[in-house]
């Protein structure tokens, strides 16, 4: 009998549902991934927002059934990953007076301050699903990671609140109920990526993860070892597909294959006279210039890079990222895409291909599934162990 504790993660994306199963090795602490299933979704998730819970529930149910067959056991619960317009973050600050006669910060101040943070209730009908401590401050000028034992008159704390719209939570629960799955916990995808993709030096010095998906691009900014900011932009690689569809008049199902085989993020590196065969929507064959594909891809990726830079500037991080940008996501595969982002953002860029916390065999398995968020859900599940 298999008595291992299984961890299940479900990433709800705009183009697909990805479900994975894993187990944690007690000695190494690493996750061994036992199976991954992908189910495409149509017209039920738009820009990360669930628009039809019945269709989504059916898609989750199909993916669950396939994974159950793969791992040989029934799935009852899972950690759920969300992104899109309904997820966002805000920073919150609060303080307490230091009561000790010597001005020393004790456990009493920390408990009182953390209790005040836990009592915060957001307006607007949204839920705080995570409260991340960023830093403590003594007397408004001395920043400390651990204030216990420090001296002053006032102890302040800065937290990052992770919020999800109540309407999205309700729709997720409806879809999961239809698929006969219980949510162990809801996670916001950009918060999962730092532990999965970054080393300790990058986390400490400052880095941004840019996760390019079909309809969304998620940004996660990490400094001083903590997630300081994230956002989910309503633009992704589907904008390239839409332009290619309009320009080339070929079927949408063939566009992704064409883009993967002949696409490039830098048109200047593609010869002017190289042609590639395509089949039109009417099934007639024709030759098109490969450079045209690259020019369309480059323009749309420049748009995405521009949105990323504007977001970093608005959050006041554009000049505070010594370790630059880490690219990841199911749509970050075009050749030279790292060079384009380095040019547009004027920062160092690398790919986040090696995933932390999973064994070597799982590294090979997950390489066929560019959506790394679902692995982050397994790591989160192993750490929090909230399922019954």
Protein backbone atom coordinates (compact mmCIF):
# COMPACT_ATOMS: atom_id res chain seq x y z
CA UNK A 1 0.00 0.00 0.00
CA UNK A 2 1.25 3.50 -0.91
CA UNK A 3 1.19 5.58 2.29
CA UNK A 4 3.10 8.53 0.93
CA UNK A 5 1.57 11.98 1.35
CA UNK A 6 0.61 13.25 -2.09
CA UNK A 7 0.60 16.96 -2.93
CA UNK A 8 -1.62 18.20 -5.76
CA UNK A 9 -1.38 21.58 -7.48
CA UNK A 10 -3.77 23.12 -10.02
CA UNK A 11 -2.76 26.19 -12.00
CA UNK A 12 -5.80 27.91 -13.55
CA UNK A 13 -4.60 29.81 -16.61
CA UNK A 14 -6.33 31.70 -19.40
CA UNK A 15 -5.52 29.05 -22.01
CA UNK A 16 -5.17 25.86 -19.97
CA UNK A 17 -5.54 24.11 -16.64
CA UNK A 18 -2.37 22.38 -15.44
CA UNK A 19 -2.58 19.80 -12.65
CA UNK A 20 0.41 18.05 -11.10
CA UNK A 21 1.02 15.49 -8.37
CA UNK A 22 4.15 15.10 -6.29
CA UNK A 23 5.57 13.68 -3.08
CA UNK A 24 8.22 15.16 -0.79
CA UNK A 25 11.31 13.19 0.12
CA UNK A 26 11.74 13.30 3.90
CA UNK A 27 15.54 13.18 3.71
CA UNK A 28 16.39 15.59 0.88
CA UNK A 29 13.26 17.73 1.19
CA UNK A 30 12.94 17.70 -2.60
CA UNK A 31 9.70 17.12 -4.49
CA UNK A 32 9.40 14.15 -6.82
CA UNK A 33 6.81 14.91 -9.50
CA UNK A 34 4.69 11.87 -10.27
CA UNK A 35 2.57 13.25 -13.10
CA UNK A 36 1.42 16.35 -14.95
CA UNK A 37 -1.72 16.82 -17.05
CA UNK A 38 -2.75 19.80 -19.18
CA UNK A 39 -6.32 20.52 -20.27
CA UNK A 40 -6.99 23.40 -22.64
CA UNK A 41 -9.77 25.82 -21.71
CA UNK A 42 -11.84 27.93 -24.08
CA UNK A 43 -14.05 30.91 -23.32
CA UNK A 44 -14.20 30.28 -19.57
CA UNK A 45 -11.15 32.24 -18.34
CA UNK A 46 -10.36 35.72 -19.69
CA UNK A 47 -7.31 37.64 -18.49
CA UNK A 48 -7.22 35.34 -15.49
CA UNK A 49 -10.85 36.01 -14.51
CA UNK A 50 -13.25 33.06 -14.51
CA UNK A 51 -16.16 33.79 -16.84
CA UNK A 52 -17.83 30.35 -16.85
CA UNK A 53 -17.35 28.15 -13.81
CA UNK A 54 -19.16 25.16 -15.36
CA UNK A 55 -16.79 24.94 -18.32
CA UNK A 56 -13.80 25.47 -16.04
CA UNK A 57 -15.05 22.80 -13.63
CA UNK A 58 -15.41 20.38 -16.53
CA UNK A 59 -11.84 21.11 -17.68
CA UNK A 60 -10.46 20.62 -14.16
CA UNK A 61 -12.43 17.39 -13.89
CA UNK A 62 -10.97 16.02 -17.14
CA UNK A 63 -7.43 16.91 -16.08
CA UNK A 64 -8.03 15.37 -12.65
CA UNK A 65 -9.35 12.11 -14.12
CA UNK A 66 -6.35 11.85 -16.44
CA UNK A 67 -3.91 12.47 -13.57
CA UNK A 68 -5.69 9.94 -11.35
CA UNK A 69 -5.13 7.34 -14.05
CA UNK A 70 -1.47 8.34 -14.27
CA UNK A 71 -0.70 8.14 -10.54
CA UNK A 72 -3.11 5.33 -9.67
CA UNK A 73 -5.06 7.02 -6.88
CA UNK A 74 -8.02 9.34 -6.36
CA UNK A 75 -7.53 13.10 -6.00
CA UNK A 76 -9.70 14.86 -3.42
CA UNK A 77 -7.89 18.13 -2.68
CA UNK A 78 -5.36 20.50 -4.22
CA UNK A 79 -3.57 23.83 -3.91
CA UNK A 80 -4.93 26.31 -6.43
CA UNK A 81 -2.92 28.95 -8.32
CA UNK A 82 -4.57 32.14 -9.59
CA UNK A 83 -3.50 35.16 -11.58
CA UNK A 84 -5.10 38.04 -13.48
CA UNK A 85 -7.05 41.20 -12.80
CA UNK A 86 -8.64 39.94 -9.59
CA UNK A 87 -5.31 39.51 -7.76
CA UNK A 88 -3.18 42.39 -6.51
CA UNK A 89 -1.01 43.58 -3.65
CA UNK A 90 -0.89 46.59 -1.33
CA UNK A 91 1.65 47.64 1.26
CA UNK A 92 0.46 48.33 4.77
CA UNK A 93 2.27 49.93 7.72
CA UNK A 94 1.40 50.02 11.39
CA UNK A 95 3.25 50.66 14.65
CA UNK A 96 3.22 50.19 18.41
CA UNK A 97 4.94 52.09 21.21
CA UNK A 98 7.77 50.23 22.95
CA UNK A 99 6.63 49.75 26.56
CA UNK A 100 9.81 48.40 28.13
CA UNK A 101 11.41 50.99 30.44
CA UNK A 102 14.79 50.53 28.79
CA UNK A 103 13.29 50.93 25.30
CA UNK A 104 14.09 47.33 24.36
CA UNK A 105 11.81 45.56 21.86
CA UNK A 106 10.36 42.42 23.44
CA UNK A 107 8.00 39.66 22.36
CA UNK A 108 5.13 41.75 23.72
CA UNK A 109 5.61 44.47 21.07
CA UNK A 110 5.95 41.93 18.28
CA UNK A 111 2.80 40.10 19.33
CA UNK A 112 0.84 43.33 19.63
CA UNK A 113 2.04 44.61 16.25
CA UNK A 114 1.38 41.33 14.46
CA UNK A 115 -2.07 41.13 16.07
CA UNK A 116 -2.86 44.58 14.68
CA UNK A 117 -1.75 43.43 11.22
CA UNK A 118 -3.93 40.32 11.42
CA UNK A 119 -6.99 42.42 12.31
CA UNK A 120 -6.82 44.50 9.13
CA UNK A 121 -9.90 43.97 6.95
CA UNK A 122 -9.82 45.33 3.38
CA UNK A 123 -12.65 47.28 1.87
CA UNK A 124 -14.15 46.63 -1.54
CA UNK A 125 -15.19 43.05 -0.97
CA UNK A 126 -11.78 41.42 -1.42
CA UNK A 127 -9.95 38.92 0.78
CA UNK A 128 -6.39 39.10 2.11
CA UNK A 129 -5.02 35.61 1.53
CA UNK A 130 -1.45 36.30 2.65
CA UNK A 131 0.34 38.85 4.83
CA UNK A 132 4.07 39.01 4.04
CA UNK A 133 6.32 40.88 6.52
CA UNK A 134 8.82 43.03 4.60
CA UNK A 135 10.74 44.95 7.24
CA UNK A 136 10.58 46.41 10.71
CA UNK A 137 11.61 49.96 11.57
CA UNK A 138 12.78 51.43 14.84
CA UNK A 139 11.87 55.10 15.39
CA UNK A 140 11.11 55.63 11.67
CA UNK A 141 14.74 55.49 10.52
CA UNK A 142 16.45 52.22 11.51
CA UNK A 143 15.36 49.34 9.25
CA UNK A 144 15.85 45.88 10.76
CA UNK A 145 14.86 42.36 9.73
CA UNK A 146 14.57 41.13 13.30
CA UNK A 147 13.71 43.86 15.81
CA UNK A 148 13.79 41.67 18.90
CA UNK A 149 16.36 43.14 21.29
CA UNK A 150 16.70 46.48 19.47
CA UNK A 151 16.18 49.78 21.33
CA UNK A 152 13.90 52.73 20.60
CA UNK A 153 10.56 54.32 21.34
CA UNK A 154 8.41 53.08 18.45
CA UNK A 155 8.34 49.83 16.46
CA UNK A 156 6.83 49.95 12.96
CA UNK A 157 6.20 47.13 10.48
CA UNK A 158 5.72 47.12 6.70
CA UNK A 159 3.71 44.25 5.26
CA UNK A 160 2.73 43.22 1.75
CA UNK A 161 -0.91 42.16 1.61
CA UNK A 162 -1.86 39.70 -1.14
CA UNK A 163 -5.52 40.13 -2.12
CA UNK A 164 -8.00 38.23 -4.28
CA UNK A 165 -11.44 39.43 -5.33
CA UNK A 166 -14.28 37.65 -3.54
CA UNK A 167 -16.05 37.06 -6.85
CA UNK A 168 -13.04 35.11 -8.11
CA UNK A 169 -12.82 33.02 -4.96
CA UNK A 170 -16.52 32.17 -5.25
CA UNK A 171 -16.13 31.13 -8.89
CA UNK A 172 -13.06 29.02 -8.13
CA UNK A 173 -14.92 27.20 -5.38
CA UNK A 174 -17.89 26.58 -7.70
CA UNK A 175 -15.59 25.11 -10.37
CA UNK A 176 -13.74 22.94 -7.84
CA UNK A 177 -17.01 21.67 -6.38
CA UNK A 178 -18.08 20.61 -9.87
CA UNK A 179 -14.78 18.75 -10.28
CA UNK A 180 -15.16 17.22 -6.78
CA UNK A 181 -11.98 18.80 -5.43
CA UNK A 182 -11.45 20.67 -2.17
CA UNK A 183 -9.08 23.65 -2.10
CA UNK A 184 -6.31 23.22 0.48
CA UNK A 185 -5.32 26.82 -0.16
CA UNK A 186 -5.49 29.60 -2.74
CA UNK A 187 -2.19 31.00 -4.00
CA UNK A 188 -1.41 33.97 -6.22
CA UNK A 189 0.95 32.77 -8.95
CA UNK A 190 3.48 35.65 -8.87
CA UNK A 191 4.09 34.95 -5.16
CA UNK A 192 5.13 31.35 -5.91
CA UNK A 193 7.85 32.07 -8.45
CA UNK A 194 10.68 33.57 -6.33
CA UNK A 195 11.34 30.43 -4.26
CA UNK A 196 11.06 28.33 -7.39
CA UNK A 197 13.37 30.27 -9.73
CA UNK A 198 15.78 32.45 -7.74
CA UNK A 199 18.93 31.87 -5.74
CA UNK A 200 19.56 33.55 -2.40
CA UNK A 201 21.88 36.23 -3.84
CA UNK A 202 19.29 37.32 -6.40
CA UNK A 203 16.59 37.51 -3.74
CA UNK A 204 18.78 39.64 -1.51
CA UNK A 205 20.19 42.03 -4.12
CA UNK A 206 17.02 42.66 -6.14
CA UNK A 207 15.50 40.98 -9.19
CA UNK A 208 12.24 40.86 -11.15
CA UNK A 209 10.63 37.73 -12.57
CA UNK A 210 8.64 38.24 -15.77
CA UNK A 211 6.29 35.31 -16.44
CA UNK A 212 4.88 35.56 -19.99
CA UNK A 213 1.69 33.61 -20.54
CA UNK A 214 -0.98 33.53 -23.19
CA UNK A 215 -3.17 36.43 -22.02
CA UNK A 216 -1.22 37.60 -18.96
CA UNK A 217 2.27 38.68 -18.01
CA UNK A 218 3.02 38.40 -14.30
CA UNK A 219 5.75 40.44 -12.61
CA UNK A 220 7.31 39.55 -9.24
CA UNK A 221 9.87 41.88 -7.62
CA UNK A 222 12.10 40.52 -4.87
CA UNK A 223 14.47 42.54 -2.65
CA UNK A 224 16.10 41.95 0.72
CA UNK A 225 15.06 38.31 0.49
CA UNK A 226 11.33 39.16 0.29
CA UNK A 227 8.63 39.58 -2.32
CA UNK A 228 8.11 43.35 -2.35
CA UNK A 229 5.69 43.76 -5.22
CA UNK A 230 3.79 41.90 -7.91
CA UNK A 231 1.30 42.66 -10.64
CA UNK A 232 -0.55 40.81 -13.37
CA UNK A 233 -0.66 42.63 -16.71
CA UNK A 234 -3.52 41.87 -19.18
CA UNK A 235 -1.20 41.26 -22.13
CA UNK A 236 0.59 38.13 -23.28
CA UNK A 237 1.77 36.17 -26.28
CA UNK A 238 -1.77 35.78 -27.65
CA UNK A 239 -1.34 39.33 -28.98
CA UNK A 240 1.33 37.93 -31.32
CA UNK A 241 -1.02 35.14 -32.41
CA UNK A 242 -3.84 37.59 -33.06
CA UNK A 243 -1.66 39.73 -35.31
CA UNK A 244 -0.31 36.71 -37.18
CA UNK A 245 -3.85 35.49 -37.73
CA UNK A 246 -4.93 38.83 -39.18
CA UNK A 247 -1.82 39.27 -41.32
CA UNK A 248 -1.33 35.74 -42.66
CA UNK A 249 -4.96 34.57 -42.81
CA UNK A 250 -4.06 31.14 -41.48
CA UNK A 251 -5.97 29.05 -38.97
CA UNK A 252 -5.39 29.85 -35.32
CA UNK A 253 -4.46 26.24 -34.50
CA UNK A 254 -1.51 26.42 -36.91
CA UNK A 255 -0.19 29.75 -35.65
CA UNK A 256 1.46 28.44 -32.47
CA UNK A 257 3.35 25.77 -34.41
CA UNK A 258 4.43 28.34 -37.00
CA UNK A 259 5.60 30.72 -34.29
CA UNK A 260 7.59 28.04 -32.48
CA UNK A 261 9.26 26.77 -35.64
CA UNK A 262 10.04 30.02 -37.44
CA UNK A 263 9.48 32.85 -34.96
CA UNK A 264 12.14 35.14 -33.55
CA UNK A 265 11.99 38.09 -31.18
CA UNK A 266 14.53 40.04 -33.26
CA UNK A 267 13.65 40.61 -36.91
CA UNK A 268 17.12 41.98 -37.73
CA UNK A 269 18.62 38.51 -37.38
CA UNK A 270 16.28 36.95 -39.97
CA UNK A 271 17.37 37.04 -43.66
CA UNK A 272 15.26 39.29 -45.90
CA UNK A 273 14.56 36.63 -48.53
CA UNK A 274 13.94 33.47 -46.48
CA UNK A 275 10.42 32.08 -47.02
CA UNK A 276 8.42 29.46 -45.14
CA UNK A 277 5.39 27.44 -46.27
CA UNK A 278 2.03 28.05 -44.62
CA UNK A 279 -1.46 26.71 -45.13
CA UNK A 280 -4.19 29.35 -45.32
CA UNK A 281 -7.56 29.06 -43.61
CA UNK A 282 -8.90 27.80 -46.95
CA UNK A 283 -6.18 25.08 -47.00
CA UNK A 284 -4.29 26.62 -49.91
CA UNK A 285 -0.52 26.65 -49.51
CA UNK A 286 1.60 29.76 -49.91
CA UNK A 287 5.07 31.04 -49.11
CA UNK A 288 5.58 33.96 -46.72
CA UNK A 289 8.67 35.81 -45.60
CA UNK A 290 10.00 34.50 -42.31
CA UNK A 291 11.05 38.04 -41.47
CA UNK A 292 7.38 39.09 -41.44
CA UNK A 293 6.72 36.64 -38.61
CA UNK A 294 9.68 38.01 -36.67
CA UNK A 295 8.64 41.63 -37.21
CA UNK A 296 5.17 40.97 -35.80
CA UNK A 297 6.56 39.05 -32.84
CA UNK A 298 9.15 41.75 -32.10
CA UNK A 299 6.61 44.57 -32.08
CA UNK A 300 4.28 42.79 -29.70
CA UNK A 301 7.10 41.72 -27.39
CA UNK A 302 8.32 45.32 -27.34
CA UNK A 303 4.82 46.25 -26.16
CA UNK A 304 5.03 43.69 -23.35
CA UNK A 305 8.50 44.89 -22.35
CA UNK A 306 7.20 48.46 -22.34
CA UNK A 307 4.35 47.53 -20.00
CA UNK A 308 6.82 45.77 -17.71
CA UNK A 309 9.08 48.82 -17.56
CA UNK A 310 6.15 51.16 -16.86
CA UNK A 311 5.02 48.87 -14.07
CA UNK A 312 8.50 48.75 -12.52
CA UNK A 313 8.79 52.55 -12.72
CA UNK A 314 5.37 53.05 -11.16
CA UNK A 315 6.39 50.73 -8.31
CA UNK A 316 9.76 52.57 -8.05
CA UNK A 317 11.85 49.48 -8.80
CA UNK A 318 13.22 50.22 -12.28
CA UNK A 319 16.61 51.33 -10.90
CA UNK A 320 16.75 48.95 -7.92
CA UNK A 321 17.25 45.59 -9.60
CA UNK A 322 20.97 44.75 -9.62
CA UNK A 323 20.26 41.17 -10.73
CA UNK A 324 17.98 42.27 -13.57
CA UNK A 325 15.20 40.17 -15.06
CA UNK A 326 14.42 36.45 -14.99
CA UNK A 327 12.18 35.34 -17.86
CA UNK A 328 9.85 32.38 -17.54
CA UNK A 329 6.41 31.21 -18.68
CA UNK A 330 4.82 29.13 -21.38
CA UNK A 331 5.32 31.87 -23.99
CA UNK A 332 8.93 32.81 -23.20
CA UNK A 333 10.35 30.40 -25.75
CA UNK A 334 10.91 32.52 -28.89
CA UNK A 335 14.54 32.69 -29.95
CA UNK A 336 16.31 35.90 -28.91
CA UNK A 337 13.51 36.92 -26.55
CA UNK A 338 16.08 37.42 -23.78
CA UNK A 339 18.07 39.76 -26.03
CA UNK A 340 14.96 41.79 -26.83
CA UNK A 341 14.06 42.25 -23.16
CA UNK A 342 17.65 43.15 -22.30
CA UNK A 343 17.61 45.78 -25.04
CA UNK A 344 14.23 47.23 -24.15
CA UNK A 345 14.65 47.21 -20.35
CA UNK A 346 18.38 47.96 -20.29
CA UNK A 347 18.95 45.22 -17.73
CA UNK A 348 20.61 41.85 -17.51
CA UNK A 349 18.19 39.07 -18.54
CA UNK A 350 18.37 35.32 -17.97
CA UNK A 351 15.93 32.44 -18.31
CA UNK A 352 14.46 30.77 -15.23
CA UNK A 353 14.81 27.23 -16.52
CA UNK A 354 16.22 25.38 -13.49
CA UNK A 355 13.56 24.89 -10.83
CA UNK A 356 14.48 24.79 -7.15
CA UNK A 357 13.23 22.10 -4.81
CA UNK A 358 12.55 19.22 -7.22
CA UNK A 359 14.70 16.18 -7.95
CA UNK A 360 16.69 15.60 -11.14
CA UNK A 361 14.19 13.20 -12.68
CA UNK A 362 11.40 15.72 -12.14
CA UNK A 363 13.53 18.43 -13.78
CA UNK A 364 13.50 16.33 -16.93
CA UNK A 365 9.77 15.63 -16.70
CA UNK A 366 8.74 19.24 -16.19
CA UNK A 367 10.89 20.46 -19.09
CA UNK A 368 8.06 19.36 -21.39
CA UNK A 369 5.66 21.65 -19.50
CA UNK A 370 6.86 25.26 -19.61
CA UNK A 371 4.26 26.32 -17.04
CA UNK A 372 6.47 26.29 -13.93
CA UNK A 373 3.81 27.74 -11.61
CA UNK A 374 2.28 24.35 -10.92
CA UNK A 375 5.63 23.20 -9.48
CA UNK A 376 5.56 26.23 -7.20
CA UNK A 377 2.18 25.04 -5.95
CA UNK A 378 3.69 21.66 -5.05
CA UNK A 379 6.51 23.37 -3.14
CA UNK A 380 3.99 25.59 -1.37
CA UNK A 381 1.91 22.53 -0.46
CA UNK A 382 4.94 20.68 0.91
CA UNK A 383 5.78 23.69 3.08
CA UNK A 384 2.30 24.46 4.41
CA UNK A 385 0.69 21.01 4.50
CA UNK A 386 -2.83 22.42 4.88
CA UNK A 387 -4.79 19.52 3.38
CA UNK A 388 -6.55 17.06 5.61
